[in-house]
Amino acid sequence: MGKLVGKPAGFSLIELLMVVAIVALLAAIAIPQFIVYRKTGLEAQIKEDLRNAAAAQESYFADRQAYVNGPLSSGTPPGYNRSAPITITAAVSGNIFTLTATHASCSGVSWSFINGQVAGGPCP
């Protein structure tokens, strides 16, 4: 095969700039959307852990007529499985408990479970 005369090999500067511009445009659209999805996922994880802890507290109360007070960990109360980055603390007053949760990725923000309702946030 013969060599093509007059045809440069590779890409021109204009072609490379167009590719860079397209990639930058896609990143400008995707990154903010990714941040929103991440925030929503963190908040859903916290709310689910609070509901699981509340169900475990109620089950514990049904067996022992008392709620677990203080920090909760996996298995305390029995049936509760904590997600790694979430910390939940129970405050007990008589036959009423309040759960407060924080997420390691949402510093300074907390959620609570009071009377069957989850409130708090949002995660920044």
PDB file of N, CA and C in Angstrom:
ATOM      1  N   MET A   1       0.843  -1.162   0.000  1.00  0.00           N
ATOM      2  CA  MET A   1       0.000   0.000   0.000  1.00  0.00           C
ATOM      3  C   MET A   1       0.886   1.223   0.000  1.00  0.00           C
ATOM      4  N   GLY A   2       0.420   2.178  -0.710  1.00  0.00           N
ATOM      5  CA  GLY A   2       1.155   3.432  -0.796  1.00  0.00           C
ATOM      6  C   GLY A   2       0.690   4.405   0.278  1.00  0.00           C
ATOM      7  N   LYS A   3       1.533   5.339   0.525  1.00  0.00           N
ATOM      8  CA  LYS A   3       1.256   6.360   1.521  1.00  0.00           C
ATOM      9  C   LYS A   3       0.371   7.433   0.901  1.00  0.00           C
ATOM     10  N   LEU A   4      -0.636   7.914   1.655  1.00  0.00           N
ATOM     11  CA  LEU A   4      -1.493   8.978   1.156  1.00  0.00           C
ATOM     12  C   LEU A   4      -0.755  10.293   1.288  1.00  0.00           C
ATOM     13  N   VAL A   5      -0.682  10.988   0.216  1.00  0.00           N
ATOM     14  CA  VAL A   5       0.028  12.256   0.212  1.00  0.00           C
ATOM     15  C   VAL A   5      -0.960  13.369   0.513  1.00  0.00           C
ATOM     16  N   GLY A   6      -0.599  14.304   1.394  1.00  0.00           N
ATOM     17  CA  GLY A   6      -1.432  15.450   1.678  1.00  0.00           C
ATOM     18  C   GLY A   6      -2.422  15.224   2.803  1.00  0.00           C
ATOM     19  N   LYS A   7      -2.541  14.028   3.376  1.00  0.00           N
ATOM     20  CA  LYS A   7      -3.456  13.737   4.479  1.00  0.00           C
ATOM     21  C   LYS A   7      -2.653  13.732   5.782  1.00  0.00           C
ATOM     22  N   PRO A   8      -2.931  14.681   6.665  1.00  0.00           N
ATOM     23  CA  PRO A   8      -2.200  14.695   7.937  1.00  0.00           C
ATOM     24  C   PRO A   8      -2.714  13.602   8.867  1.00  0.00           C
ATOM     25  N   ALA A   9      -1.844  13.061   9.692  1.00  0.00           N
ATOM     26  CA  ALA A   9      -2.220  12.039  10.657  1.00  0.00           C
ATOM     27  C   ALA A   9      -2.608  12.725  11.969  1.00  0.00           C
ATOM     28  N   GLY A  10      -3.579  12.145  12.705  1.00  0.00           N
ATOM     29  CA  GLY A  10      -3.966  12.693  13.994  1.00  0.00           C
ATOM     30  C   GLY A  10      -5.143  13.649  13.900  1.00  0.00           C
ATOM     31  N   PHE A  11      -5.351  14.400  14.985  1.00  0.00           N
ATOM     32  CA  PHE A  11      -6.466  15.325  15.076  1.00  0.00           C
ATOM     33  C   PHE A  11      -5.965  16.753  15.003  1.00  0.00           C
ATOM     34  N   SER A  12      -6.826  17.605  14.513  1.00  0.00           N
ATOM     35  CA  SER A  12      -6.461  19.025  14.472  1.00  0.00           C
ATOM     36  C   SER A  12      -6.787  19.655  15.828  1.00  0.00           C
ATOM     37  N   LEU A  13      -6.257  20.836  16.063  1.00  0.00           N
ATOM     38  CA  LEU A  13      -6.498  21.538  17.317  1.00  0.00           C
ATOM     39  C   LEU A  13      -7.986  21.850  17.486  1.00  0.00           C
ATOM     40  N   ILE A  14      -8.660  22.194  16.422  1.00  0.00           N
ATOM     41  CA  ILE A  14     -10.090  22.501  16.483  1.00  0.00           C
ATOM     42  C   ILE A  14     -10.882  21.267  16.913  1.00  0.00           C
ATOM     43  N   GLU A  15     -10.546  20.112  16.377  1.00  0.00           N
ATOM     44  CA  GLU A  15     -11.249  18.885  16.759  1.00  0.00           C
ATOM     45  C   GLU A  15     -11.041  18.570  18.239  1.00  0.00           C
ATOM     46  N   LEU A  16      -9.824  18.716  18.718  1.00  0.00           N
ATOM     47  CA  LEU A  16      -9.556  18.470  20.133  1.00  0.00           C
ATOM     48  C   LEU A  16     -10.289  19.466  21.022  1.00  0.00           C
ATOM     49  N   LEU A  17     -10.351  20.728  20.644  1.00  0.00           N
ATOM     50  CA  LEU A  17     -11.070  21.734  21.418  1.00  0.00           C
ATOM     51  C   LEU A  17     -12.566  21.440  21.464  1.00  0.00           C
ATOM     52  N   MET A  18     -13.105  20.938  20.371  1.00  0.00           N
ATOM     53  CA  MET A  18     -14.527  20.581  20.343  1.00  0.00           C
ATOM     54  C   MET A  18     -14.811  19.424  21.307  1.00  0.00           C
ATOM     55  N   VAL A  19     -13.937  18.432  21.348  1.00  0.00           N
ATOM     56  CA  VAL A  19     -14.122  17.308  22.256  1.00  0.00           C
ATOM     57  C   VAL A  19     -14.045  17.792  23.697  1.00  0.00           C
ATOM     58  N   VAL A  20     -13.081  18.644  24.006  1.00  0.00           N
ATOM     59  CA  VAL A  20     -12.946  19.187  25.356  1.00  0.00           C
ATOM     60  C   VAL A  20     -14.190  19.990  25.736  1.00  0.00           C
ATOM     61  N   ALA A  21     -14.726  20.777  24.814  1.00  0.00           N
ATOM     62  CA  ALA A  21     -15.921  21.570  25.091  1.00  0.00           C
ATOM     63  C   ALA A  21     -17.134  20.675  25.355  1.00  0.00           C
ATOM     64  N   ILE A  22     -17.265  19.613  24.599  1.00  0.00           N
ATOM     65  CA  ILE A  22     -18.389  18.695  24.796  1.00  0.00           C
ATOM     66  C   ILE A  22     -18.278  17.993  26.145  1.00  0.00           C
ATOM     67  N   VAL A  23     -17.093  17.534  26.496  1.00  0.00           N
ATOM     68  CA  VAL A  23     -16.885  16.873  27.787  1.00  0.00           C
ATOM     69  C   VAL A  23     -17.164  17.847  28.931  1.00  0.00           C
ATOM     70  N   ALA A  24     -16.733  19.099  28.808  1.00  0.00           N
ATOM     71  CA  ALA A  24     -16.983  20.106  29.841  1.00  0.00           C
ATOM     72  C   ALA A  24     -18.475  20.375  29.986  1.00  0.00           C
ATOM     73  N   LEU A  25     -19.192  20.430  28.886  1.00  0.00           N
ATOM     74  CA  LEU A  25     -20.635  20.648  28.921  1.00  0.00           C
ATOM     75  C   LEU A  25     -21.345  19.488  29.614  1.00  0.00           C
ATOM     76  N   LEU A  26     -20.963  18.262  29.290  1.00  0.00           N
ATOM     77  CA  LEU A  26     -21.570  17.096  29.938  1.00  0.00           C
ATOM     78  C   LEU A  26     -21.256  17.077  31.433  1.00  0.00           C
ATOM     79  N   ALA A  27     -20.041  17.437  31.816  1.00  0.00           N
ATOM     80  CA  ALA A  27     -19.673  17.485  33.233  1.00  0.00           C
ATOM     81  C   ALA A  27     -20.473  18.563  33.959  1.00  0.00           C
ATOM     82  N   ALA A  28     -20.683  19.700  33.318  1.00  0.00           N
ATOM     83  CA  ALA A  28     -21.444  20.787  33.944  1.00  0.00           C
ATOM     84  C   ALA A  28     -22.888  20.376  34.212  1.00  0.00           C
ATOM     85  N   ILE A  29     -23.407  19.480  33.411  1.00  0.00           N
ATOM     86  CA  ILE A  29     -24.774  18.993  33.605  1.00  0.00           C
ATOM     87  C   ILE A  29     -24.794  17.849  34.620  1.00  0.00           C
ATOM     88  N   ALA A  30     -23.830  16.931  34.547  1.00  0.00           N
ATOM     89  CA  ALA A  30     -23.855  15.706  35.349  1.00  0.00           C
ATOM     90  C   ALA A  30     -23.460  15.920  36.809  1.00  0.00           C
ATOM     91  N   ILE A  31     -22.474  16.748  37.085  1.00  0.00           N
ATOM     92  CA  ILE A  31     -21.967  16.874  38.452  1.00  0.00           C
ATOM     93  C   ILE A  31     -23.026  17.422  39.411  1.00  0.00           C
ATOM     94  N   PRO A  32     -23.736  18.509  39.094  1.00  0.00           N
ATOM     95  CA  PRO A  32     -24.774  18.966  40.030  1.00  0.00           C
ATOM     96  C   PRO A  32     -25.876  17.922  40.248  1.00  0.00           C
ATOM     97  N   GLN A  33     -26.231  17.195  39.208  1.00  0.00           N
ATOM     98  CA  GLN A  33     -27.262  16.166  39.348  1.00  0.00           C
ATOM     99  C   GLN A  33     -26.765  15.029  40.235  1.00  0.00           C
ATOM    100  N   PHE A  34     -25.504  14.668  40.100  1.00  0.00           N
ATOM    101  CA  PHE A  34     -24.915  13.630  40.949  1.00  0.00           C
ATOM    102  C   PHE A  34     -24.947  14.047  42.414  1.00  0.00           C
ATOM    103  N   ILE A  35     -24.668  15.299  42.701  1.00  0.00           N
ATOM    104  CA  ILE A  35     -24.674  15.805  44.074  1.00  0.00           C
ATOM    105  C   ILE A  35     -26.082  15.699  44.673  1.00  0.00           C
ATOM    106  N   VAL A  36     -27.089  16.025  43.888  1.00  0.00           N
ATOM    107  CA  VAL A  36     -28.478  15.919  44.363  1.00  0.00           C
ATOM    108  C   VAL A  36     -28.828  14.458  44.653  1.00  0.00           C
ATOM    109  N   TYR A  37     -28.440  13.540  43.761  1.00  0.00           N
ATOM    110  CA  TYR A  37     -28.724  12.117  43.978  1.00  0.00           C
ATOM    111  C   TYR A  37     -28.009  11.598  45.217  1.00  0.00           C
ATOM    112  N   ARG A  38     -26.786  12.030  45.441  1.00  0.00           N
ATOM    113  CA  ARG A  38     -26.012  11.600  46.600  1.00  0.00           C
ATOM    114  C   ARG A  38     -26.682  12.086  47.889  1.00  0.00           C
ATOM    115  N   LYS A  39     -27.096  13.349  47.901  1.00  0.00           N
ATOM    116  CA  LYS A  39     -27.762  13.925  49.068  1.00  0.00           C
ATOM    117  C   LYS A  39     -29.055  13.171  49.376  1.00  0.00           C
ATOM    118  N   THR A  40     -29.833  12.895  48.354  1.00  0.00           N
ATOM    119  CA  THR A  40     -31.089  12.163  48.523  1.00  0.00           C
ATOM    120  C   THR A  40     -30.832  10.756  49.068  1.00  0.00           C
ATOM    121  N   GLY A  41     -29.782  10.123  48.584  1.00  0.00           N
ATOM    122  CA  GLY A  41     -29.437   8.785  49.066  1.00  0.00           C
ATOM    123  C   GLY A  41     -29.013   8.777  50.522  1.00  0.00           C
ATOM    124  N   LEU A  42     -28.216   9.770  50.930  1.00  0.00           N
ATOM    125  CA  LEU A  42     -27.793   9.869  52.330  1.00  0.00           C
ATOM    126  C   LEU A  42     -28.991  10.057  53.245  1.00  0.00           C
ATOM    127  N   GLU A  43     -29.898  10.949  52.858  1.00  0.00           N
ATOM    128  CA  GLU A  43     -31.078  11.208  53.680  1.00  0.00           C
ATOM    129  C   GLU A  43     -31.984   9.980  53.761  1.00  0.00           C
ATOM    130  N   ALA A  44     -32.127   9.252  52.677  1.00  0.00           N
ATOM    131  CA  ALA A  44     -32.941   8.036  52.686  1.00  0.00           C
ATOM    132  C   ALA A  44     -32.318   6.979  53.599  1.00  0.00           C
ATOM    133  N   GLN A  45     -30.993   6.884  53.585  1.00  0.00           N
ATOM    134  CA  GLN A  45     -30.303   5.930  54.446  1.00  0.00           C
ATOM    135  C   GLN A  45     -30.529   6.262  55.920  1.00  0.00           C
ATOM    136  N   ILE A  46     -30.458   7.532  56.267  1.00  0.00           N
ATOM    137  CA  ILE A  46     -30.673   7.950  57.652  1.00  0.00           C
ATOM    138  C   ILE A  46     -32.112   7.649  58.087  1.00  0.00           C
ATOM    139  N   LYS A  47     -33.064   8.007  57.262  1.00  0.00           N
ATOM    140  CA  LYS A  47     -34.472   7.789  57.608  1.00  0.00           C
ATOM    141  C   LYS A  47     -34.770   6.300  57.769  1.00  0.00           C
ATOM    142  N   GLU A  48     -34.202   5.472  56.915  1.00  0.00           N
ATOM    143  CA  GLU A  48     -34.418   4.036  57.010  1.00  0.00           C
ATOM    144  C   GLU A  48     -33.802   3.480  58.290  1.00  0.00           C
ATOM    145  N   ASP A  49     -32.612   3.935  58.645  1.00  0.00           N
ATOM    146  CA  ASP A  49     -31.995   3.485  59.896  1.00  0.00           C
ATOM    147  C   ASP A  49     -32.831   3.904  61.105  1.00  0.00           C
ATOM    148  N   LEU A  50     -33.371   5.112  61.080  1.00  0.00           N
ATOM    149  CA  LEU A  50     -34.225   5.558  62.180  1.00  0.00           C
ATOM    150  C   LEU A  50     -35.471   4.682  62.311  1.00  0.00           C
ATOM    151  N   ARG A  51     -36.082   4.376  61.198  1.00  0.00           N
ATOM    152  CA  ARG A  51     -37.283   3.520  61.242  1.00  0.00           C
ATOM    153  C   ARG A  51     -36.942   2.113  61.740  1.00  0.00           C
ATOM    154  N   ASN A  52     -35.798   1.572  61.288  1.00  0.00           N
ATOM    155  CA  ASN A  52     -35.379   0.245  61.755  1.00  0.00           C
ATOM    156  C   ASN A  52     -35.087   0.254  63.247  1.00  0.00           C
ATOM    157  N   ALA A  53     -34.426   1.315  63.724  1.00  0.00           N
ATOM    158  CA  ALA A  53     -34.127   1.419  65.148  1.00  0.00           C
ATOM    159  C   ALA A  53     -35.417   1.532  65.963  1.00  0.00           C
ATOM    160  N   ALA A  54     -36.378   2.292  65.455  1.00  0.00           N
ATOM    161  CA  ALA A  54     -37.656   2.436  66.161  1.00  0.00           C
ATOM    162  C   ALA A  54     -38.389   1.099  66.238  1.00  0.00           C
ATOM    163  N   ALA A  55     -38.386   0.342  65.150  1.00  0.00           N
ATOM    164  CA  ALA A  55     -39.035  -0.979  65.168  1.00  0.00           C
ATOM    165  C   ALA A  55     -38.326  -1.905  66.148  1.00  0.00           C
ATOM    166  N   ALA A  56     -37.000  -1.852  66.203  1.00  0.00           N
ATOM    167  CA  ALA A  56     -36.249  -2.683  67.148  1.00  0.00           C
ATOM    168  C   ALA A  56     -36.546  -2.259  68.590  1.00  0.00           C
ATOM    169  N   GLN A  57     -36.679  -0.944  68.813  1.00  0.00           N
ATOM    170  CA  GLN A  57     -37.017  -0.454  70.152  1.00  0.00           C
ATOM    171  C   GLN A  57     -38.388  -0.990  70.590  1.00  0.00           C
ATOM    172  N   GLU A  58     -39.353  -0.924  69.702  1.00  0.00           N
ATOM    173  CA  GLU A  58     -40.695  -1.405  70.035  1.00  0.00           C
ATOM    174  C   GLU A  58     -40.691  -2.906  70.309  1.00  0.00           C
ATOM    175  N   SER A  59     -39.924  -3.658  69.540  1.00  0.00           N
ATOM    176  CA  SER A  59     -39.817  -5.098  69.759  1.00  0.00           C
ATOM    177  C   SER A  59     -39.158  -5.384  71.108  1.00  0.00           C
ATOM    178  N   TYR A  60     -38.124  -4.634  71.421  1.00  0.00           N
ATOM    179  CA  TYR A  60     -37.437  -4.782  72.711  1.00  0.00           C
ATOM    180  C   TYR A  60     -38.391  -4.465  73.864  1.00  0.00           C
ATOM    181  N   PHE A  61     -39.202  -3.413  73.691  1.00  0.00           N
ATOM    182  CA  PHE A  61     -40.159  -3.025  74.728  1.00  0.00           C
ATOM    183  C   PHE A  61     -41.210  -4.120  74.940  1.00  0.00           C
ATOM    184  N   ALA A  62     -41.640  -4.739  73.843  1.00  0.00           N
ATOM    185  CA  ALA A  62     -42.646  -5.799  73.954  1.00  0.00           C
ATOM    186  C   ALA A  62     -42.116  -6.984  74.768  1.00  0.00           C
ATOM    187  N   ASP A  63     -40.820  -7.253  74.670  1.00  0.00           N
ATOM    188  CA  ASP A  63     -40.221  -8.374  75.411  1.00  0.00           C
ATOM    189  C   ASP A  63     -39.866  -8.014  76.849  1.00  0.00           C
ATOM    190  N   ARG A  64     -39.383  -6.784  77.086  1.00  0.00           N
ATOM    191  CA  ARG A  64     -38.808  -6.452  78.392  1.00  0.00           C
ATOM    192  C   ARG A  64     -39.482  -5.295  79.124  1.00  0.00           C
ATOM    193  N   GLN A  65     -40.477  -4.685  78.538  1.00  0.00           N
ATOM    194  CA  GLN A  65     -41.194  -3.548  79.131  1.00  0.00           C
ATOM    195  C   GLN A  65     -40.269  -2.367  79.437  1.00  0.00           C
ATOM    196  N   ALA A  66     -39.254  -2.185  78.600  1.00  0.00           N
ATOM    197  CA  ALA A  66     -38.327  -1.057  78.734  1.00  0.00           C
ATOM    198  C   ALA A  66     -37.694  -0.793  77.369  1.00  0.00           C
ATOM    199  N   TYR A  67     -37.269   0.435  77.153  1.00  0.00           N
ATOM    200  CA  TYR A  67     -36.568   0.803  75.921  1.00  0.00           C
ATOM    201  C   TYR A  67     -35.072   0.876  76.195  1.00  0.00           C
ATOM    202  N   VAL A  68     -34.277   0.702  75.147  1.00  0.00           N
ATOM    203  CA  VAL A  68     -32.829   0.862  75.256  1.00  0.00           C
ATOM    204  C   VAL A  68     -32.532   2.349  75.268  1.00  0.00           C
ATOM    205  N   ASN A  69     -31.708   2.790  76.205  1.00  0.00           N
ATOM    206  CA  ASN A  69     -31.338   4.198  76.335  1.00  0.00           C
ATOM    207  C   ASN A  69     -29.870   4.370  75.963  1.00  0.00           C
ATOM    208  N   GLY A  70     -29.537   5.471  75.300  1.00  0.00           N
ATOM    209  CA  GLY A  70     -28.149   5.750  74.936  1.00  0.00           C
ATOM    210  C   GLY A  70     -27.857   5.406  73.487  1.00  0.00           C
ATOM    211  N   PRO A  71     -26.570   5.317  73.145  1.00  0.00           N
ATOM    212  CA  PRO A  71     -26.189   5.031  71.753  1.00  0.00           C
ATOM    213  C   PRO A  71     -26.629   3.628  71.341  1.00  0.00           C
ATOM    214  N   LEU A  72     -27.125   3.523  70.123  1.00  0.00           N
ATOM    215  CA  LEU A  72     -27.537   2.227  69.592  1.00  0.00           C
ATOM    216  C   LEU A  72     -26.439   1.710  68.665  1.00  0.00           C
ATOM    217  N   SER A  73     -26.230   0.402  68.692  1.00  0.00           N
ATOM    218  CA  SER A  73     -25.275  -0.222  67.785  1.00  0.00           C
ATOM    219  C   SER A  73     -25.938  -1.453  67.184  1.00  0.00           C
ATOM    220  N   SER A  74     -25.286  -2.065  66.227  1.00  0.00           N
ATOM    221  CA  SER A  74     -25.873  -3.256  65.619  1.00  0.00           C
ATOM    222  C   SER A  74     -26.119  -4.307  66.694  1.00  0.00           C
ATOM    223  N   GLY A  75     -27.343  -4.779  66.767  1.00  0.00           N
ATOM    224  CA  GLY A  75     -27.710  -5.777  67.754  1.00  0.00           C
ATOM    225  C   GLY A  75     -28.185  -5.209  69.081  1.00  0.00           C
ATOM    226  N   THR A  76     -28.086  -3.901  69.263  1.00  0.00           N
ATOM    227  CA  THR A  76     -28.563  -3.254  70.500  1.00  0.00           C
ATOM    228  C   THR A  76     -29.472  -2.109  70.117  1.00  0.00           C
ATOM    229  N   PRO A  77     -30.755  -2.234  70.206  1.00  0.00           N
ATOM    230  CA  PRO A  77     -31.515  -3.386  70.662  1.00  0.00           C
ATOM    231  C   PRO A  77     -31.475  -4.524  69.645  1.00  0.00           C
ATOM    232  N   PRO A  78     -31.803  -5.748  70.081  1.00  0.00           N
ATOM    233  CA  PRO A  78     -31.779  -6.884  69.157  1.00  0.00           C
ATOM    234  C   PRO A  78     -32.652  -6.615  67.922  1.00  0.00           C
ATOM    235  N   GLY A  79     -32.119  -6.965  66.771  1.00  0.00           N
ATOM    236  CA  GLY A  79     -32.849  -6.760  65.525  1.00  0.00           C
ATOM    237  C   GLY A  79     -32.465  -5.499  64.792  1.00  0.00           C
ATOM    238  N   TYR A  80     -31.721  -4.619  65.444  1.00  0.00           N
ATOM    239  CA  TYR A  80     -31.302  -3.380  64.786  1.00  0.00           C
ATOM    240  C   TYR A  80     -29.938  -3.577  64.143  1.00  0.00           C
ATOM    241  N   ASN A  81     -29.835  -3.264  62.861  1.00  0.00           N
ATOM    242  CA  ASN A  81     -28.569  -3.329  62.136  1.00  0.00           C
ATOM    243  C   ASN A  81     -28.216  -1.933  61.653  1.00  0.00           C
ATOM    244  N   ARG A  82     -27.194  -1.363  62.261  1.00  0.00           N
ATOM    245  CA  ARG A  82     -26.780   0.012  61.972  1.00  0.00           C
ATOM    246  C   ARG A  82     -25.984   0.083  60.683  1.00  0.00           C
ATOM    247  N   SER A  83     -26.254   1.101  59.868  1.00  0.00           N
ATOM    248  CA  SER A  83     -25.416   1.385  58.710  1.00  0.00           C
ATOM    249  C   SER A  83     -24.141   2.040  59.220  1.00  0.00           C
ATOM    250  N   ALA A  84     -23.023   1.728  58.614  1.00  0.00           N
ATOM    251  CA  ALA A  84     -21.711   2.146  59.115  1.00  0.00           C
ATOM    252  C   ALA A  84     -21.574   3.645  59.393  1.00  0.00           C
ATOM    253  N   PRO A  85     -21.976   4.547  58.483  1.00  0.00           N
ATOM    254  CA  PRO A  85     -21.702   5.963  58.752  1.00  0.00           C
ATOM    255  C   PRO A  85     -22.744   6.672  59.611  1.00  0.00           C
ATOM    256  N   ILE A  86     -23.710   5.939  60.139  1.00  0.00           N
ATOM    257  CA  ILE A  86     -24.811   6.572  60.875  1.00  0.00           C
ATOM    258  C   ILE A  86     -24.689   6.281  62.366  1.00  0.00           C
ATOM    259  N   THR A  87     -24.887   7.318  63.174  1.00  0.00           N
ATOM    260  CA  THR A  87     -24.881   7.193  64.626  1.00  0.00           C
ATOM    261  C   THR A  87     -26.264   7.540  65.138  1.00  0.00           C
ATOM    262  N   ILE A  88     -26.842   6.650  65.932  1.00  0.00           N
ATOM    263  CA  ILE A  88     -28.174   6.882  66.490  1.00  0.00           C
ATOM    264  C   ILE A  88     -28.094   6.791  68.011  1.00  0.00           C
ATOM    265  N   THR A  89     -28.743   7.749  68.665  1.00  0.00           N
ATOM    266  CA  THR A  89     -28.819   7.773  70.121  1.00  0.00           C
ATOM    267  C   THR A  89     -30.280   7.805  70.534  1.00  0.00           C
ATOM    268  N   ALA A  90     -30.611   7.007  71.550  1.00  0.00           N
ATOM    269  CA  ALA A  90     -31.975   6.959  72.073  1.00  0.00           C
ATOM    270  C   ALA A  90     -32.038   7.697  73.400  1.00  0.00           C
ATOM    271  N   ALA A  91     -33.073   8.505  73.556  1.00  0.00           N
ATOM    272  CA  ALA A  91     -33.357   9.172  74.827  1.00  0.00           C
ATOM    273  C   ALA A  91     -34.708   8.647  75.301  1.00  0.00           C
ATOM    274  N   VAL A  92     -34.726   8.079  76.487  1.00  0.00           N
ATOM    275  CA  VAL A  92     -35.934   7.449  77.017  1.00  0.00           C
ATOM    276  C   VAL A  92     -36.460   8.258  78.190  1.00  0.00           C
ATOM    277  N   SER A  93     -37.778   8.497  78.161  1.00  0.00           N
ATOM    278  CA  SER A  93     -38.448   9.172  79.266  1.00  0.00           C
ATOM    279  C   SER A  93     -39.718   8.387  79.564  1.00  0.00           C
ATOM    280  N   GLY A  94     -39.665   7.552  80.579  1.00  0.00           N
ATOM    281  CA  GLY A  94     -40.812   6.713  80.896  1.00  0.00           C
ATOM    282  C   GLY A  94     -41.044   5.691  79.805  1.00  0.00           C
ATOM    283  N   ASN A  95     -42.228   5.724  79.213  1.00  0.00           N
ATOM    284  CA  ASN A  95     -42.558   4.805  78.131  1.00  0.00           C
ATOM    285  C   ASN A  95     -42.505   5.490  76.769  1.00  0.00           C
ATOM    286  N   ILE A  96     -41.707   6.528  76.653  1.00  0.00           N
ATOM    287  CA  ILE A  96     -41.557   7.260  75.387  1.00  0.00           C
ATOM    288  C   ILE A  96     -40.079   7.332  75.049  1.00  0.00           C
ATOM    289  N   PHE A  97     -39.752   7.108  73.780  1.00  0.00           N
ATOM    290  CA  PHE A  97     -38.362   7.237  73.369  1.00  0.00           C
ATOM    291  C   PHE A  97     -38.259   8.203  72.192  1.00  0.00           C
ATOM    292  N   THR A  98     -37.117   8.848  72.101  1.00  0.00           N
ATOM    293  CA  THR A  98     -36.790   9.730  70.981  1.00  0.00           C
ATOM    294  C   THR A  98     -35.457   9.272  70.425  1.00  0.00           C
ATOM    295  N   LEU A  99     -35.394   9.118  69.113  1.00  0.00           N
ATOM    296  CA  LEU A  99     -34.146   8.735  68.457  1.00  0.00           C
ATOM    297  C   LEU A  99     -33.579   9.939  67.728  1.00  0.00           C
ATOM    298  N   THR A 100     -32.277  10.124  67.840  1.00  0.00           N
ATOM    299  CA  THR A 100     -31.586  11.195  67.126  1.00  0.00           C
ATOM    300  C   THR A 100     -30.461  10.565  66.322  1.00  0.00           C
ATOM    301  N   ALA A 101     -30.377  10.914  65.036  1.00  0.00           N
ATOM    302  CA  ALA A 101     -29.381  10.310  64.152  1.00  0.00           C
ATOM    303  C   ALA A 101     -28.548  11.370  63.461  1.00  0.00           C
ATOM    304  N   THR A 102     -27.291  11.022  63.222  1.00  0.00           N
ATOM    305  CA  THR A 102     -26.390  11.852  62.417  1.00  0.00           C
ATOM    306  C   THR A 102     -25.674  10.948  61.423  1.00  0.00           C
ATOM    307  N   HIS A 103     -25.277  11.542  60.317  1.00  0.00           N
ATOM    308  CA  HIS A 103     -24.547  10.827  59.272  1.00  0.00           C
ATOM    309  C   HIS A 103     -23.152  11.431  59.174  1.00  0.00           C
ATOM    310  N   ALA A 104     -22.145  10.596  59.025  1.00  0.00           N
ATOM    311  CA  ALA A 104     -20.760  11.069  58.968  1.00  0.00           C
ATOM    312  C   ALA A 104     -20.530  12.056  57.821  1.00  0.00           C
ATOM    313  N   SER A 105     -21.278  11.929  56.732  1.00  0.00           N
ATOM    314  CA  SER A 105     -21.105  12.823  55.579  1.00  0.00           C
ATOM    315  C   SER A 105     -21.918  14.105  55.685  1.00  0.00           C
ATOM    316  N   CYS A 106     -22.755  14.223  56.695  1.00  0.00           N
ATOM    317  CA  CYS A 106     -23.599  15.409  56.876  1.00  0.00           C
ATOM    318  C   CYS A 106     -23.283  16.032  58.232  1.00  0.00           C
ATOM    319  N   SER A 107     -22.101  16.547  58.382  1.00  0.00           N
ATOM    320  CA  SER A 107     -21.674  17.058  59.684  1.00  0.00           C
ATOM    321  C   SER A 107     -22.540  18.233  60.128  1.00  0.00           C
ATOM    322  N   GLY A 108     -22.898  18.214  61.402  1.00  0.00           N
ATOM    323  CA  GLY A 108     -23.678  19.295  61.985  1.00  0.00           C
ATOM    324  C   GLY A 108     -25.172  19.217  61.724  1.00  0.00           C
ATOM    325  N   VAL A 109     -25.642  18.176  61.051  1.00  0.00           N
ATOM    326  CA  VAL A 109     -27.064  18.030  60.735  1.00  0.00           C
ATOM    327  C   VAL A 109     -27.568  16.761  61.413  1.00  0.00           C
ATOM    328  N   SER A 110     -28.737  16.845  62.025  1.00  0.00           N
ATOM    329  CA  SER A 110     -29.289  15.657  62.677  1.00  0.00           C
ATOM    330  C   SER A 110     -30.748  15.460  62.284  1.00  0.00           C
ATOM    331  N   TRP A 111     -31.206  14.235  62.461  1.00  0.00           N
ATOM    332  CA  TRP A 111     -32.584  13.854  62.211  1.00  0.00           C
ATOM    333  C   TRP A 111     -33.124  13.233  63.492  1.00  0.00           C
ATOM    334  N   SER A 112     -34.425  13.280  63.669  1.00  0.00           N
ATOM    335  CA  SER A 112     -35.016  12.689  64.863  1.00  0.00           C
ATOM    336  C   SER A 112     -36.246  11.870  64.495  1.00  0.00           C
ATOM    337  N   PHE A 113     -36.530  10.906  65.347  1.00  0.00           N
ATOM    338  CA  PHE A 113     -37.723  10.079  65.222  1.00  0.00           C
ATOM    339  C   PHE A 113     -38.511  10.272  66.504  1.00  0.00           C
ATOM    340  N   ILE A 114     -39.660  10.968  66.377  1.00  0.00           N
ATOM    341  CA  ILE A 114     -40.511  11.266  67.536  1.00  0.00           C
ATOM    342  C   ILE A 114     -41.941  10.929  67.148  1.00  0.00           C
ATOM    343  N   ASN A 115     -42.579  10.117  67.954  1.00  0.00           N
ATOM    344  CA  ASN A 115     -44.000   9.757  67.731  1.00  0.00           C
ATOM    345  C   ASN A 115     -44.265   9.258  66.321  1.00  0.00           C
ATOM    346  N   GLY A 116     -43.376   8.439  65.804  1.00  0.00           N
ATOM    347  CA  GLY A 116     -43.576   7.846  64.486  1.00  0.00           C
ATOM    348  C   GLY A 116     -43.233   8.720  63.311  1.00  0.00           C
ATOM    349  N   GLN A 117     -42.704   9.902  63.553  1.00  0.00           N
ATOM    350  CA  GLN A 117     -42.372  10.848  62.483  1.00  0.00           C
ATOM    351  C   GLN A 117     -40.863  11.096  62.440  1.00  0.00           C
ATOM    352  N   VAL A 118     -40.308  11.087  61.223  1.00  0.00           N
ATOM    353  CA  VAL A 118     -38.903  11.407  61.022  1.00  0.00           C
ATOM    354  C   VAL A 118     -38.828  12.861  60.586  1.00  0.00           C
ATOM    355  N   ALA A 119     -37.989  13.639  61.274  1.00  0.00           N
ATOM    356  CA  ALA A 119     -37.820  15.060  60.941  1.00  0.00           C
ATOM    357  C   ALA A 119     -36.342  15.404  61.009  1.00  0.00           C
ATOM    358  N   GLY A 120     -35.961  16.434  60.294  1.00  0.00           N
ATOM    359  CA  GLY A 120     -34.583  16.906  60.355  1.00  0.00           C
ATOM    360  C   GLY A 120     -34.006  17.145  58.980  1.00  0.00           C
ATOM    361  N   GLY A 121     -32.705  17.416  58.999  1.00  0.00           N
ATOM    362  CA  GLY A 121     -32.007  17.648  57.742  1.00  0.00           C
ATOM    363  C   GLY A 121     -32.246  19.043  57.236  1.00  0.00           C
ATOM    364  N   PRO A 122     -32.014  19.328  56.007  1.00  0.00           N
ATOM    365  CA  PRO A 122     -31.462  18.436  54.994  1.00  0.00           C
ATOM    366  C   PRO A 122     -29.946  18.350  55.085  1.00  0.00           C
ATOM    367  N   CYS A 123     -29.421  17.360  54.408  1.00  0.00           N
ATOM    368  CA  CYS A 123     -27.973  17.168  54.345  1.00  0.00           C
ATOM    369  C   CYS A 123     -27.401  18.207  53.367  1.00  0.00           C
ATOM    370  N   PRO A 124     -26.359  18.937  53.790  1.00  0.00           N
ATOM    371  CA  PRO A 124     -25.808  19.964  52.881  1.00  0.00           C
ATOM    372  C   PRO A 124     -25.097  19.363  51.686  1.00  0.00           C
TER     373      PRO A 124
END
